[in-house]
Amino acid sequence: MKRISLALLLCVLAVPALAQQKVTTTGWFSDESCARSRAKSGTFTPTNPDCAEDCLKKGIKPVLIAEKEKTIYLVNDSALANEHLAEHVQVTGTLDPKTNVLAIESVKDLGDYVGPACSRPRKK
């Protein structure tokens, strides 16, 4: 009986640890529609920022294309996604693995744009 109680206690204590994960990764913000269709073919690179901006305005969910993990995370902040479209960024946040939503805590522009020259953000 003590073993069962101890095992149950360990399981209960482990659940919160699995619920949230601190994540720091690099990649690009996009819209879910464009990013998912490219990911299905194994492409985890920036999407067309003009298309992504239009899709985000239409209400399609923002995502982060995580280049090293070869995955797509839904993000909780569409304003940040819009602000950093076409920029190669480092993002830190808390990931909920059940919903695959990344709650963004910080975004750092890495300054090394990767993508088509016609989509390169203009310097202000």
PDB file of N, CA and C in Angstrom:
ATOM      1  N   MET A   1       0.826  -1.196   0.000  1.00  0.00           N
ATOM      2  CA  MET A   1       0.000   0.000   0.000  1.00  0.00           C
ATOM      3  C   MET A   1       0.870   1.259   0.000  1.00  0.00           C
ATOM      4  N   LYS A   2       1.969   1.207   0.754  1.00  0.00           N
ATOM      5  CA  LYS A   2       2.851   2.367   0.801  1.00  0.00           C
ATOM      6  C   LYS A   2       3.493   2.612  -0.561  1.00  0.00           C
ATOM      7  N   ARG A   3       3.827   1.518  -1.256  1.00  0.00           N
ATOM      8  CA  ARG A   3       4.432   1.661  -2.579  1.00  0.00           C
ATOM      9  C   ARG A   3       3.461   2.307  -3.559  1.00  0.00           C
ATOM     10  N   ILE A   4       2.204   1.894  -3.507  1.00  0.00           N
ATOM     11  CA  ILE A   4       1.202   2.466  -4.399  1.00  0.00           C
ATOM     12  C   ILE A   4       1.023   3.944  -4.094  1.00  0.00           C
ATOM     13  N   SER A   5       0.951   4.293  -2.820  1.00  0.00           N
ATOM     14  CA  SER A   5       0.803   5.698  -2.432  1.00  0.00           C
ATOM     15  C   SER A   5       1.993   6.523  -2.895  1.00  0.00           C
ATOM     16  N   LEU A   6       3.191   5.972  -2.739  1.00  0.00           N
ATOM     17  CA  LEU A   6       4.387   6.676  -3.165  1.00  0.00           C
ATOM     18  C   LEU A   6       4.391   6.858  -4.691  1.00  0.00           C
ATOM     19  N   ALA A   7       3.993   5.842  -5.413  1.00  0.00           N
ATOM     20  CA  ALA A   7       3.939   5.922  -6.872  1.00  0.00           C
ATOM     21  C   ALA A   7       2.914   6.963  -7.323  1.00  0.00           C
ATOM     22  N   LEU A   8       1.765   6.997  -6.677  1.00  0.00           N
ATOM     23  CA  LEU A   8       0.746   7.996  -7.002  1.00  0.00           C
ATOM     24  C   LEU A   8       1.242   9.406  -6.706  1.00  0.00           C
ATOM     25  N   LEU A   9       1.924   9.568  -5.596  1.00  0.00           N
ATOM     26  CA  LEU A   9       2.464  10.868  -5.228  1.00  0.00           C
ATOM     27  C   LEU A   9       3.488  11.339  -6.257  1.00  0.00           C
ATOM     28  N   LEU A  10       4.356  10.447  -6.697  1.00  0.00           N
ATOM     29  CA  LEU A  10       5.351  10.800  -7.706  1.00  0.00           C
ATOM     30  C   LEU A  10       4.691  11.187  -9.031  1.00  0.00           C
ATOM     31  N   CYS A  11       3.644  10.476  -9.405  1.00  0.00           N
ATOM     32  CA  CYS A  11       2.922  10.803 -10.640  1.00  0.00           C
ATOM     33  C   CYS A  11       2.274  12.175 -10.543  1.00  0.00           C
ATOM     34  N   VAL A  12       1.666  12.465  -9.408  1.00  0.00           N
ATOM     35  CA  VAL A  12       1.018  13.766  -9.210  1.00  0.00           C
ATOM     36  C   VAL A  12       2.039  14.887  -9.253  1.00  0.00           C
ATOM     37  N   LEU A  13       3.210  14.669  -8.684  1.00  0.00           N
ATOM     38  CA  LEU A  13       4.258  15.683  -8.689  1.00  0.00           C
ATOM     39  C   LEU A  13       4.868  15.863 -10.073  1.00  0.00           C
ATOM     40  N   ALA A  14       4.873  14.828 -10.884  1.00  0.00           N
ATOM     41  CA  ALA A  14       5.475  14.896 -12.212  1.00  0.00           C
ATOM     42  C   ALA A  14       4.579  15.597 -13.223  1.00  0.00           C
ATOM     43  N   VAL A  15       3.266  15.588 -13.025  1.00  0.00           N
ATOM     44  CA  VAL A  15       2.338  16.179 -13.984  1.00  0.00           C
ATOM     45  C   VAL A  15       2.591  17.668 -14.211  1.00  0.00           C
ATOM     46  N   PRO A  16       2.763  18.514 -13.174  1.00  0.00           N
ATOM     47  CA  PRO A  16       3.036  19.921 -13.452  1.00  0.00           C
ATOM     48  C   PRO A  16       4.334  20.128 -14.239  1.00  0.00           C
ATOM     49  N   ALA A  17       5.320  19.305 -14.015  1.00  0.00           N
ATOM     50  CA  ALA A  17       6.582  19.436 -14.745  1.00  0.00           C
ATOM     51  C   ALA A  17       6.375  19.169 -16.233  1.00  0.00           C
ATOM     52  N   LEU A  18       5.453  18.276 -16.567  1.00  0.00           N
ATOM     53  CA  LEU A  18       5.166  17.961 -17.961  1.00  0.00           C
ATOM     54  C   LEU A  18       4.252  19.008 -18.597  1.00  0.00           C
ATOM     55  N   ALA A  19       3.516  19.750 -17.768  1.00  0.00           N
ATOM     56  CA  ALA A  19       2.531  20.683 -18.284  1.00  0.00           C
ATOM     57  C   ALA A  19       3.168  21.874 -18.995  1.00  0.00           C
ATOM     58  N   GLN A  20       4.266  22.373 -18.507  1.00  0.00           N
ATOM     59  CA  GLN A  20       4.892  23.554 -19.090  1.00  0.00           C
ATOM     60  C   GLN A  20       6.381  23.310 -19.279  1.00  0.00           C
ATOM     61  N   GLN A  21       6.929  23.799 -20.384  1.00  0.00           N
ATOM     62  CA  GLN A  21       8.361  23.657 -20.650  1.00  0.00           C
ATOM     63  C   GLN A  21       8.917  25.011 -21.067  1.00  0.00           C
ATOM     64  N   LYS A  22      10.047  25.377 -20.494  1.00  0.00           N
ATOM     65  CA  LYS A  22      10.753  26.585 -20.921  1.00  0.00           C
ATOM     66  C   LYS A  22      11.461  26.266 -22.231  1.00  0.00           C
ATOM     67  N   VAL A  23      11.282  27.131 -23.249  1.00  0.00           N
ATOM     68  CA  VAL A  23      11.838  26.895 -24.578  1.00  0.00           C
ATOM     69  C   VAL A  23      12.588  28.133 -25.042  1.00  0.00           C
ATOM     70  N   THR A  24      13.781  27.935 -25.578  1.00  0.00           N
ATOM     71  CA  THR A  24      14.497  28.970 -26.315  1.00  0.00           C
ATOM     72  C   THR A  24      14.878  28.359 -27.650  1.00  0.00           C
ATOM     73  N   THR A  25      14.426  28.990 -28.721  1.00  0.00           N
ATOM     74  CA  THR A  25      14.658  28.446 -30.053  1.00  0.00           C
ATOM     75  C   THR A  25      14.813  29.571 -31.064  1.00  0.00           C
ATOM     76  N   THR A  26      15.208  29.220 -32.258  1.00  0.00           N
ATOM     77  CA  THR A  26      15.317  30.197 -33.330  1.00  0.00           C
ATOM     78  C   THR A  26      14.410  29.799 -34.483  1.00  0.00           C
ATOM     79  N   GLY A  27      14.021  30.795 -35.256  1.00  0.00           N
ATOM     80  CA  GLY A  27      13.164  30.529 -36.402  1.00  0.00           C
ATOM     81  C   GLY A  27      12.530  31.795 -36.928  1.00  0.00           C
ATOM     82  N   TRP A  28      11.306  31.657 -37.476  1.00  0.00           N
ATOM     83  CA  TRP A  28      10.609  32.760 -38.117  1.00  0.00           C
ATOM     84  C   TRP A  28       9.132  32.692 -37.764  1.00  0.00           C
ATOM     85  N   PHE A  29       8.508  33.861 -37.639  1.00  0.00           N
ATOM     86  CA  PHE A  29       7.068  33.928 -37.438  1.00  0.00           C
ATOM     87  C   PHE A  29       6.371  33.855 -38.785  1.00  0.00           C
ATOM     88  N   SER A  30       5.211  33.239 -38.787  1.00  0.00           N
ATOM     89  CA  SER A  30       4.401  33.129 -39.989  1.00  0.00           C
ATOM     90  C   SER A  30       2.956  32.913 -39.578  1.00  0.00           C
ATOM     91  N   ASP A  31       2.124  32.577 -40.561  1.00  0.00           N
ATOM     92  CA  ASP A  31       0.747  32.184 -40.281  1.00  0.00           C
ATOM     93  C   ASP A  31       0.658  30.659 -40.349  1.00  0.00           C
ATOM     94  N   GLU A  32      -0.311  30.118 -39.649  1.00  0.00           N
ATOM     95  CA  GLU A  32      -0.434  28.657 -39.552  1.00  0.00           C
ATOM     96  C   GLU A  32      -0.671  27.994 -40.913  1.00  0.00           C
ATOM     97  N   SER A  33      -1.449  28.617 -41.761  1.00  0.00           N
ATOM     98  CA  SER A  33      -1.789  28.010 -43.050  1.00  0.00           C
ATOM     99  C   SER A  33      -0.549  27.786 -43.927  1.00  0.00           C
ATOM    100  N   CYS A  34       0.215  28.833 -44.148  1.00  0.00           N
ATOM    101  CA  CYS A  34       1.417  28.707 -45.002  1.00  0.00           C
ATOM    102  C   CYS A  34       2.457  27.786 -44.367  1.00  0.00           C
ATOM    103  N   ALA A  35       2.676  27.975 -43.077  1.00  0.00           N
ATOM    104  CA  ALA A  35       3.729  27.211 -42.401  1.00  0.00           C
ATOM    105  C   ALA A  35       3.404  25.722 -42.363  1.00  0.00           C
ATOM    106  N   ARG A  36       2.155  25.370 -42.081  1.00  0.00           N
ATOM    107  CA  ARG A  36       1.797  23.937 -42.006  1.00  0.00           C
ATOM    108  C   ARG A  36       1.917  23.256 -43.362  1.00  0.00           C
ATOM    109  N   SER A  37       1.501  23.930 -44.416  1.00  0.00           N
ATOM    110  CA  SER A  37       1.583  23.284 -45.728  1.00  0.00           C
ATOM    111  C   SER A  37       3.041  23.056 -46.121  1.00  0.00           C
ATOM    112  N   ARG A  38       3.932  23.993 -45.774  1.00  0.00           N
ATOM    113  CA  ARG A  38       5.356  23.806 -46.063  1.00  0.00           C
ATOM    114  C   ARG A  38       5.958  22.726 -45.164  1.00  0.00           C
ATOM    115  N   ALA A  39       5.537  22.684 -43.910  1.00  0.00           N
ATOM    116  CA  ALA A  39       6.073  21.700 -42.965  1.00  0.00           C
ATOM    117  C   ALA A  39       5.731  20.272 -43.404  1.00  0.00           C
ATOM    118  N   LYS A  40       4.556  20.092 -43.999  1.00  0.00           N
ATOM    119  CA  LYS A  40       4.165  18.757 -44.477  1.00  0.00           C
ATOM    120  C   LYS A  40       5.157  18.213 -45.500  1.00  0.00           C
ATOM    121  N   SER A  41       5.782  19.128 -46.246  1.00  0.00           N
ATOM    122  CA  SER A  41       6.773  18.691 -47.232  1.00  0.00           C
ATOM    123  C   SER A  41       8.193  18.708 -46.661  1.00  0.00           C
ATOM    124  N   GLY A  42       8.306  18.991 -45.354  1.00  0.00           N
ATOM    125  CA  GLY A  42       9.611  18.970 -44.705  1.00  0.00           C
ATOM    126  C   GLY A  42      10.378  20.279 -44.795  1.00  0.00           C
ATOM    127  N   THR A  43       9.696  21.368 -45.173  1.00  0.00           N
ATOM    128  CA  THR A  43      10.348  22.668 -45.307  1.00  0.00           C
ATOM    129  C   THR A  43      10.100  23.522 -44.073  1.00  0.00           C
ATOM    130  N   PHE A  44      11.161  23.838 -43.364  1.00  0.00           N
ATOM    131  CA  PHE A  44      11.068  24.659 -42.155  1.00  0.00           C
ATOM    132  C   PHE A  44      11.947  25.899 -42.334  1.00  0.00           C
ATOM    133  N   THR A  45      11.527  26.746 -43.283  1.00  0.00           N
ATOM    134  CA  THR A  45      12.228  27.974 -43.613  1.00  0.00           C
ATOM    135  C   THR A  45      11.206  29.112 -43.611  1.00  0.00           C
ATOM    136  N   PRO A  46      11.670  30.367 -43.766  1.00  0.00           N
ATOM    137  CA  PRO A  46      10.707  31.467 -43.727  1.00  0.00           C
ATOM    138  C   PRO A  46       9.703  31.385 -44.872  1.00  0.00           C
ATOM    139  N   THR A  47       8.498  31.875 -44.598  1.00  0.00           N
ATOM    140  CA  THR A  47       7.460  31.966 -45.616  1.00  0.00           C
ATOM    141  C   THR A  47       7.458  33.388 -46.168  1.00  0.00           C
ATOM    142  N   ASN A  48       6.660  33.623 -47.198  1.00  0.00           N
ATOM    143  CA  ASN A  48       6.527  34.960 -47.766  1.00  0.00           C
ATOM    144  C   ASN A  48       5.878  35.873 -46.726  1.00  0.00           C
ATOM    145  N   PRO A  49       6.582  36.920 -46.284  1.00  0.00           N
ATOM    146  CA  PRO A  49       6.041  37.765 -45.219  1.00  0.00           C
ATOM    147  C   PRO A  49       4.795  38.540 -45.634  1.00  0.00           C
ATOM    148  N   ASP A  50       4.669  38.900 -46.911  1.00  0.00           N
ATOM    149  CA  ASP A  50       3.470  39.611 -47.369  1.00  0.00           C
ATOM    150  C   ASP A  50       2.251  38.710 -47.286  1.00  0.00           C
ATOM    151  N   CYS A  51       2.405  37.474 -47.715  1.00  0.00           N
ATOM    152  CA  CYS A  51       1.317  36.494 -47.636  1.00  0.00           C
ATOM    153  C   CYS A  51       0.962  36.215 -46.174  1.00  0.00           C
ATOM    154  N   ALA A  52       1.988  36.028 -45.351  1.00  0.00           N
ATOM    155  CA  ALA A  52       1.753  35.751 -43.924  1.00  0.00           C
ATOM    156  C   ALA A  52       1.027  36.914 -43.266  1.00  0.00           C
ATOM    157  N   GLU A  53       1.423  38.135 -43.592  1.00  0.00           N
ATOM    158  CA  GLU A  53       0.770  39.312 -43.013  1.00  0.00           C
ATOM    159  C   GLU A  53      -0.709  39.355 -43.403  1.00  0.00           C
ATOM    160  N   ASP A  54      -1.005  39.085 -44.670  1.00  0.00           N
ATOM    161  CA  ASP A  54      -2.393  39.065 -45.133  1.00  0.00           C
ATOM    162  C   ASP A  54      -3.193  37.989 -44.399  1.00  0.00           C
ATOM    163  N   CYS A  55      -2.612  36.811 -44.254  1.00  0.00           N
ATOM    164  CA  CYS A  55      -3.305  35.714 -43.571  1.00  0.00           C
ATOM    165  C   CYS A  55      -3.554  36.040 -42.097  1.00  0.00           C
ATOM    166  N   LEU A  56      -2.576  36.650 -41.445  1.00  0.00           N
ATOM    167  CA  LEU A  56      -2.753  37.029 -40.043  1.00  0.00           C
ATOM    168  C   LEU A  56      -3.864  38.061 -39.899  1.00  0.00           C
ATOM    169  N   LYS A  57      -3.968  38.989 -40.852  1.00  0.00           N
ATOM    170  CA  LYS A  57      -5.049  39.983 -40.831  1.00  0.00           C
ATOM    171  C   LYS A  57      -6.406  39.329 -41.002  1.00  0.00           C
ATOM    172  N   LYS A  58      -6.442  38.194 -41.715  1.00  0.00           N
ATOM    173  CA  LYS A  58      -7.694  37.465 -41.933  1.00  0.00           C
ATOM    174  C   LYS A  58      -8.067  36.592 -40.737  1.00  0.00           C
ATOM    175  N   GLY A  59      -7.192  36.554 -39.729  1.00  0.00           N
ATOM    176  CA  GLY A  59      -7.513  35.797 -38.521  1.00  0.00           C
ATOM    177  C   GLY A  59      -6.863  34.433 -38.427  1.00  0.00           C
ATOM    178  N   ILE A  60      -6.017  34.083 -39.389  1.00  0.00           N
ATOM    179  CA  ILE A  60      -5.311  32.808 -39.294  1.00  0.00           C
ATOM    180  C   ILE A  60      -4.298  32.919 -38.162  1.00  0.00           C
ATOM    181  N   LYS A  61      -4.148  31.865 -37.398  1.00  0.00           N
ATOM    182  CA  LYS A  61      -3.318  31.889 -36.194  1.00  0.00           C
ATOM    183  C   LYS A  61      -1.837  32.093 -36.520  1.00  0.00           C
ATOM    184  N   PRO A  62      -1.146  32.878 -35.669  1.00  0.00           N
ATOM    185  CA  PRO A  62       0.297  33.039 -35.847  1.00  0.00           C
ATOM    186  C   PRO A  62       1.048  31.828 -35.307  1.00  0.00           C
ATOM    187  N   VAL A  63       2.182  31.534 -35.942  1.00  0.00           N
ATOM    188  CA  VAL A  63       3.020  30.412 -35.516  1.00  0.00           C
ATOM    189  C   VAL A  63       4.482  30.833 -35.541  1.00  0.00           C
ATOM    190  N   LEU A  64       5.295  30.046 -34.872  1.00  0.00           N
ATOM    191  CA  LEU A  64       6.737  30.173 -34.976  1.00  0.00           C
ATOM    192  C   LEU A  64       7.247  28.927 -35.673  1.00  0.00           C
ATOM    193  N   ILE A  65       7.984  29.113 -36.761  1.00  0.00           N
ATOM    194  CA  ILE A  65       8.623  28.000 -37.452  1.00  0.00           C
ATOM    195  C   ILE A  65       9.961  27.790 -36.753  1.00  0.00           C
ATOM    196  N   ALA A  66      10.070  26.715 -35.982  1.00  0.00           N
ATOM    197  CA  ALA A  66      11.287  26.429 -35.214  1.00  0.00           C
ATOM    198  C   ALA A  66      12.225  25.604 -36.084  1.00  0.00           C
ATOM    199  N   GLU A  67      13.309  26.235 -36.534  1.00  0.00           N
ATOM    200  CA  GLU A  67      14.175  25.614 -37.527  1.00  0.00           C
ATOM    201  C   GLU A  67      14.936  24.398 -37.024  1.00  0.00           C
ATOM    202  N   LYS A  68      15.462  24.440 -35.820  1.00  0.00           N
ATOM    203  CA  LYS A  68      16.270  23.319 -35.329  1.00  0.00           C
ATOM    204  C   LYS A  68      15.412  22.132 -34.911  1.00  0.00           C
ATOM    205  N   GLU A  69      14.257  22.441 -34.327  1.00  0.00           N
ATOM    206  CA  GLU A  69      13.354  21.384 -33.865  1.00  0.00           C
ATOM    207  C   GLU A  69      12.542  20.797 -35.012  1.00  0.00           C
ATOM    208  N   LYS A  70      12.527  21.501 -36.155  1.00  0.00           N
ATOM    209  CA  LYS A  70      11.737  21.081 -37.317  1.00  0.00           C
ATOM    210  C   LYS A  70      10.279  20.872 -36.919  1.00  0.00           C
ATOM    211  N   THR A  71       9.733  21.940 -36.301  1.00  0.00           N
ATOM    212  CA  THR A  71       8.343  21.901 -35.868  1.00  0.00           C
ATOM    213  C   THR A  71       7.757  23.299 -35.953  1.00  0.00           C
ATOM    214  N   ILE A  72       6.457  23.367 -35.726  1.00  0.00           N
ATOM    215  CA  ILE A  72       5.740  24.639 -35.723  1.00  0.00           C
ATOM    216  C   ILE A  72       5.018  24.772 -34.394  1.00  0.00           C
ATOM    217  N   TYR A  73       5.228  25.909 -33.743  1.00  0.00           N
ATOM    218  CA  TYR A  73       4.555  26.207 -32.478  1.00  0.00           C
ATOM    219  C   TYR A  73       3.514  27.284 -32.716  1.00  0.00           C
ATOM    220  N   LEU A  74       2.304  27.077 -32.224  1.00  0.00           N
ATOM    221  CA  LEU A  74       1.339  28.164 -32.194  1.00  0.00           C
ATOM    222  C   LEU A  74       1.864  29.189 -31.191  1.00  0.00           C
ATOM    223  N   VAL A  75       1.622  30.479 -31.437  1.00  0.00           N
ATOM    224  CA  VAL A  75       2.086  31.498 -30.503  1.00  0.00           C
ATOM    225  C   VAL A  75       0.904  32.296 -29.973  1.00  0.00           C
ATOM    226  N   ASN A  76       1.088  32.847 -28.789  1.00  0.00           N
ATOM    227  CA  ASN A  76      -0.003  33.539 -28.124  1.00  0.00           C
ATOM    228  C   ASN A  76      -0.043  35.036 -28.400  1.00  0.00           C
ATOM    229  N   ASP A  77       0.874  35.561 -29.197  1.00  0.00           N
ATOM    230  CA  ASP A  77       0.972  37.002 -29.382  1.00  0.00           C
ATOM    231  C   ASP A  77       1.090  37.350 -30.867  1.00  0.00           C
ATOM    232  N   SER A  78      -0.050  37.648 -31.500  1.00  0.00           N
ATOM    233  CA  SER A  78      -0.021  37.953 -32.929  1.00  0.00           C
ATOM    234  C   SER A  78       0.650  39.286 -33.211  1.00  0.00           C
ATOM    235  N   ALA A  79       0.635  40.232 -32.277  1.00  0.00           N
ATOM    236  CA  ALA A  79       1.303  41.520 -32.487  1.00  0.00           C
ATOM    237  C   ALA A  79       2.807  41.318 -32.631  1.00  0.00           C
ATOM    238  N   LEU A  80       3.395  40.476 -31.789  1.00  0.00           N
ATOM    239  CA  LEU A  80       4.825  40.180 -31.898  1.00  0.00           C
ATOM    240  C   LEU A  80       5.135  39.453 -33.200  1.00  0.00           C
ATOM    241  N   ALA A  81       4.270  38.544 -33.578  1.00  0.00           N
ATOM    242  CA  ALA A  81       4.477  37.816 -34.834  1.00  0.00           C
ATOM    243  C   ALA A  81       4.473  38.793 -36.005  1.00  0.00           C
ATOM    244  N   ASN A  82       3.516  39.705 -36.043  1.00  0.00           N
ATOM    245  CA  ASN A  82       3.454  40.703 -37.112  1.00  0.00           C
ATOM    246  C   ASN A  82       4.678  41.608 -37.104  1.00  0.00           C
ATOM    247  N   GLU A  83       5.097  42.011 -35.936  1.00  0.00           N
ATOM    248  CA  GLU A  83       6.228  42.932 -35.795  1.00  0.00           C
ATOM    249  C   GLU A  83       7.534  42.320 -36.301  1.00  0.00           C
ATOM    250  N   HIS A  84       7.655  41.001 -36.198  1.00  0.00           N
ATOM    251  CA  HIS A  84       8.916  40.338 -36.538  1.00  0.00           C
ATOM    252  C   HIS A  84       8.835  39.422 -37.761  1.00  0.00           C
ATOM    253  N   LEU A  85       7.819  39.593 -38.621  1.00  0.00           N
ATOM    254  CA  LEU A  85       7.727  38.784 -39.839  1.00  0.00           C
ATOM    255  C   LEU A  85       8.978  38.994 -40.688  1.00  0.00           C
ATOM    256  N   ALA A  86       9.494  37.928 -41.255  1.00  0.00           N
ATOM    257  CA  ALA A  86      10.663  37.909 -42.145  1.00  0.00           C
ATOM    258  C   ALA A  86      11.983  38.121 -41.427  1.00  0.00           C
ATOM    259  N   GLU A  87      11.963  38.230 -40.114  1.00  0.00           N
ATOM    260  CA  GLU A  87      13.205  38.355 -39.354  1.00  0.00           C
ATOM    261  C   GLU A  87      13.576  36.993 -38.782  1.00  0.00           C
ATOM    262  N   HIS A  88      14.836  36.697 -38.796  1.00  0.00           N
ATOM    263  CA  HIS A  88      15.334  35.494 -38.138  1.00  0.00           C
ATOM    264  C   HIS A  88      15.428  35.862 -36.656  1.00  0.00           C
ATOM    265  N   VAL A  89      14.684  35.159 -35.802  1.00  0.00           N
ATOM    266  CA  VAL A  89      14.570  35.552 -34.401  1.00  0.00           C
ATOM    267  C   VAL A  89      14.939  34.420 -33.452  1.00  0.00           C
ATOM    268  N   GLN A  90      15.300  34.822 -32.239  1.00  0.00           N
ATOM    269  CA  GLN A  90      15.443  33.886 -31.130  1.00  0.00           C
ATOM    270  C   GLN A  90      14.287  34.188 -30.194  1.00  0.00           C
ATOM    271  N   VAL A  91      13.523  33.160 -29.871  1.00  0.00           N
ATOM    272  CA  VAL A  91      12.335  33.317 -29.042  1.00  0.00           C
ATOM    273  C   VAL A  91      12.494  32.493 -27.776  1.00  0.00           C
ATOM    274  N   THR A  92      12.152  33.115 -26.664  1.00  0.00           N
ATOM    275  CA  THR A  92      12.114  32.415 -25.387  1.00  0.00           C
ATOM    276  C   THR A  92      10.684  32.478 -24.884  1.00  0.00           C
ATOM    277  N   GLY A  93      10.206  31.355 -24.368  1.00  0.00           N
ATOM    278  CA  GLY A  93       8.846  31.321 -23.858  1.00  0.00           C
ATOM    279  C   GLY A  93       8.566  30.029 -23.133  1.00  0.00           C
ATOM    280  N   THR A  94       7.309  29.875 -22.773  1.00  0.00           N
ATOM    281  CA  THR A  94       6.855  28.685 -22.074  1.00  0.00           C
ATOM    282  C   THR A  94       5.913  27.923 -22.991  1.00  0.00           C
ATOM    283  N   LEU A  95       6.249  26.660 -23.239  1.00  0.00           N
ATOM    284  CA  LEU A  95       5.470  25.820 -24.140  1.00  0.00           C
ATOM    285  C   LEU A  95       4.530  24.930 -23.350  1.00  0.00           C
ATOM    286  N   ASP A  96       3.268  24.925 -23.764  1.00  0.00           N
ATOM    287  CA  ASP A  96       2.298  23.975 -23.229  1.00  0.00           C
ATOM    288  C   ASP A  96       2.248  22.813 -24.217  1.00  0.00           C
ATOM    289  N   PRO A  97       2.859  21.663 -23.869  1.00  0.00           N
ATOM    290  CA  PRO A  97       2.925  20.559 -24.827  1.00  0.00           C
ATOM    291  C   PRO A  97       1.561  19.966 -25.195  1.00  0.00           C
ATOM    292  N   LYS A  98       0.551  20.167 -24.362  1.00  0.00           N
ATOM    293  CA  LYS A  98      -0.777  19.636 -24.685  1.00  0.00           C
ATOM    294  C   LYS A  98      -1.419  20.409 -25.825  1.00  0.00           C
ATOM    295  N   THR A  99      -1.237  21.731 -25.837  1.00  0.00           N
ATOM    296  CA  THR A  99      -1.867  22.562 -26.860  1.00  0.00           C
ATOM    297  C   THR A  99      -0.880  23.016 -27.933  1.00  0.00           C
ATOM    298  N   ASN A 100       0.413  22.815 -27.691  1.00  0.00           N
ATOM    299  CA  ASN A 100       1.488  23.255 -28.580  1.00  0.00           C
ATOM    300  C   ASN A 100       1.512  24.774 -28.752  1.00  0.00           C
ATOM    301  N   VAL A 101       1.082  25.492 -27.703  1.00  0.00           N
ATOM    302  CA  VAL A 101       1.087  26.953 -27.716  1.00  0.00           C
ATOM    303  C   VAL A 101       2.310  27.445 -26.956  1.00  0.00           C
ATOM    304  N   LEU A 102       3.056  28.339 -27.596  1.00  0.00           N
ATOM    305  CA  LEU A 102       4.232  28.947 -26.992  1.00  0.00           C
ATOM    306  C   LEU A 102       3.850  30.329 -26.484  1.00  0.00           C
ATOM    307  N   ALA A 103       3.886  30.502 -25.162  1.00  0.00           N
ATOM    308  CA  ALA A 103       3.643  31.807 -24.546  1.00  0.00           C
ATOM    309  C   ALA A 103       4.971  32.571 -24.589  1.00  0.00           C
ATOM    310  N   ILE A 104       5.034  33.573 -25.433  1.00  0.00           N
ATOM    311  CA  ILE A 104       6.283  34.278 -25.694  1.00  0.00           C
ATOM    312  C   ILE A 104       6.643  35.201 -24.535  1.00  0.00           C
ATOM    313  N   GLU A 105       7.905  35.096 -24.105  1.00  0.00           N
ATOM    314  CA  GLU A 105       8.428  35.977 -23.077  1.00  0.00           C
ATOM    315  C   GLU A 105       9.371  37.017 -23.665  1.00  0.00           C
ATOM    316  N   SER A 106      10.151  36.619 -24.682  1.00  0.00           N
ATOM    317  CA  SER A 106      11.053  37.580 -25.326  1.00  0.00           C
ATOM    318  C   SER A 106      11.344  37.164 -26.757  1.00  0.00           C
ATOM    319  N   VAL A 107      11.637  38.170 -27.591  1.00  0.00           N
ATOM    320  CA  VAL A 107      11.997  37.962 -28.987  1.00  0.00           C
ATOM    321  C   VAL A 107      13.232  38.806 -29.266  1.00  0.00           C
ATOM    322  N   LYS A 108      14.231  38.175 -29.858  1.00  0.00           N
ATOM    323  CA  LYS A 108      15.460  38.875 -30.206  1.00  0.00           C
ATOM    324  C   LYS A 108      15.701  38.705 -31.700  1.00  0.00           C
ATOM    325  N   ASP A 109      15.846  39.829 -32.422  1.00  0.00           N
ATOM    326  CA  ASP A 109      16.154  39.788 -33.849  1.00  0.00           C
ATOM    327  C   ASP A 109      17.618  39.397 -33.988  1.00  0.00           C
ATOM    328  N   LEU A 110      17.878  38.301 -34.701  1.00  0.00           N
ATOM    329  CA  LEU A 110      19.241  37.820 -34.868  1.00  0.00           C
ATOM    330  C   LEU A 110      19.991  38.564 -35.970  1.00  0.00           C
ATOM    331  N   GLY A 111      19.290  39.359 -36.756  1.00  0.00           N
ATOM    332  CA  GLY A 111      19.927  40.211 -37.737  1.00  0.00           C
ATOM    333  C   GLY A 111      20.440  39.508 -38.971  1.00  0.00           C
ATOM    334  N   ASP A 112      20.285  38.204 -39.043  1.00  0.00           N
ATOM    335  CA  ASP A 112      20.746  37.495 -40.230  1.00  0.00           C
ATOM    336  C   ASP A 112      19.538  36.990 -41.008  1.00  0.00           C
ATOM    337  N   TYR A 113      18.998  37.869 -41.819  1.00  0.00           N
ATOM    338  CA  TYR A 113      17.816  37.540 -42.611  1.00  0.00           C
ATOM    339  C   TYR A 113      18.101  36.369 -43.539  1.00  0.00           C
ATOM    340  N   VAL A 114      17.173  35.423 -43.559  1.00  0.00           N
ATOM    341  CA  VAL A 114      17.288  34.281 -44.457  1.00  0.00           C
ATOM    342  C   VAL A 114      15.976  34.206 -45.233  1.00  0.00           C
ATOM    343  N   GLY A 115      16.068  34.323 -46.527  1.00  0.00           N
ATOM    344  CA  GLY A 115      14.862  34.247 -47.337  1.00  0.00           C
ATOM    345  C   GLY A 115      15.043  34.995 -48.637  1.00  0.00           C
ATOM    346  N   PRO A 116      13.983  35.095 -49.446  1.00  0.00           N
ATOM    347  CA  PRO A 116      14.096  35.740 -50.748  1.00  0.00           C
ATOM    348  C   PRO A 116      14.400  37.228 -50.592  1.00  0.00           C
ATOM    349  N   ALA A 117      15.282  37.739 -51.463  1.00  0.00           N
ATOM    350  CA  ALA A 117      15.691  39.142 -51.403  1.00  0.00           C
ATOM    351  C   ALA A 117      14.498  40.086 -51.567  1.00  0.00           C
ATOM    352  N   CYS A 118      13.518  39.695 -52.376  1.00  0.00           N
ATOM    353  CA  CYS A 118      12.360  40.566 -52.594  1.00  0.00           C
ATOM    354  C   CYS A 118      11.515  40.727 -51.330  1.00  0.00           C
ATOM    355  N   SER A 119      11.685  39.845 -50.376  1.00  0.00           N
ATOM    356  CA  SER A 119      10.914  39.910 -49.130  1.00  0.00           C
ATOM    357  C   SER A 119      11.731  40.477 -47.979  1.00  0.00           C
ATOM    358  N   ARG A 120      12.966  40.853 -48.256  1.00  0.00           N
ATOM    359  CA  ARG A 120      13.839  41.361 -47.200  1.00  0.00           C
ATOM    360  C   ARG A 120      13.219  42.613 -46.584  1.00  0.00           C
ATOM    361  N   PRO A 121      13.104  42.674 -45.241  1.00  0.00           N
ATOM    362  CA  PRO A 121      12.534  43.870 -44.618  1.00  0.00           C
ATOM    363  C   PRO A 121      13.400  45.095 -44.914  1.00  0.00           C
ATOM    364  N   ARG A 122      12.747  46.200 -45.165  1.00  0.00           N
ATOM    365  CA  ARG A 122      13.478  47.432 -45.443  1.00  0.00           C
ATOM    366  C   ARG A 122      13.928  48.072 -44.148  1.00  0.00           C
ATOM    367  N   LYS A 123      15.158  48.563 -44.140  1.00  0.00           N
ATOM    368  CA  LYS A 123      15.692  49.247 -42.974  1.00  0.00           C
ATOM    369  C   LYS A 123      15.036  50.608 -42.857  1.00  0.00           C
ATOM    370  N   LYS A 124      14.685  50.970 -41.637  1.00  0.00           N
ATOM    371  CA  LYS A 124      14.028  52.270 -41.400  1.00  0.00           C
ATOM    372  C   LYS A 124      15.018  53.327 -41.041  1.00  0.00           C
TER     373      LYS A 124
END
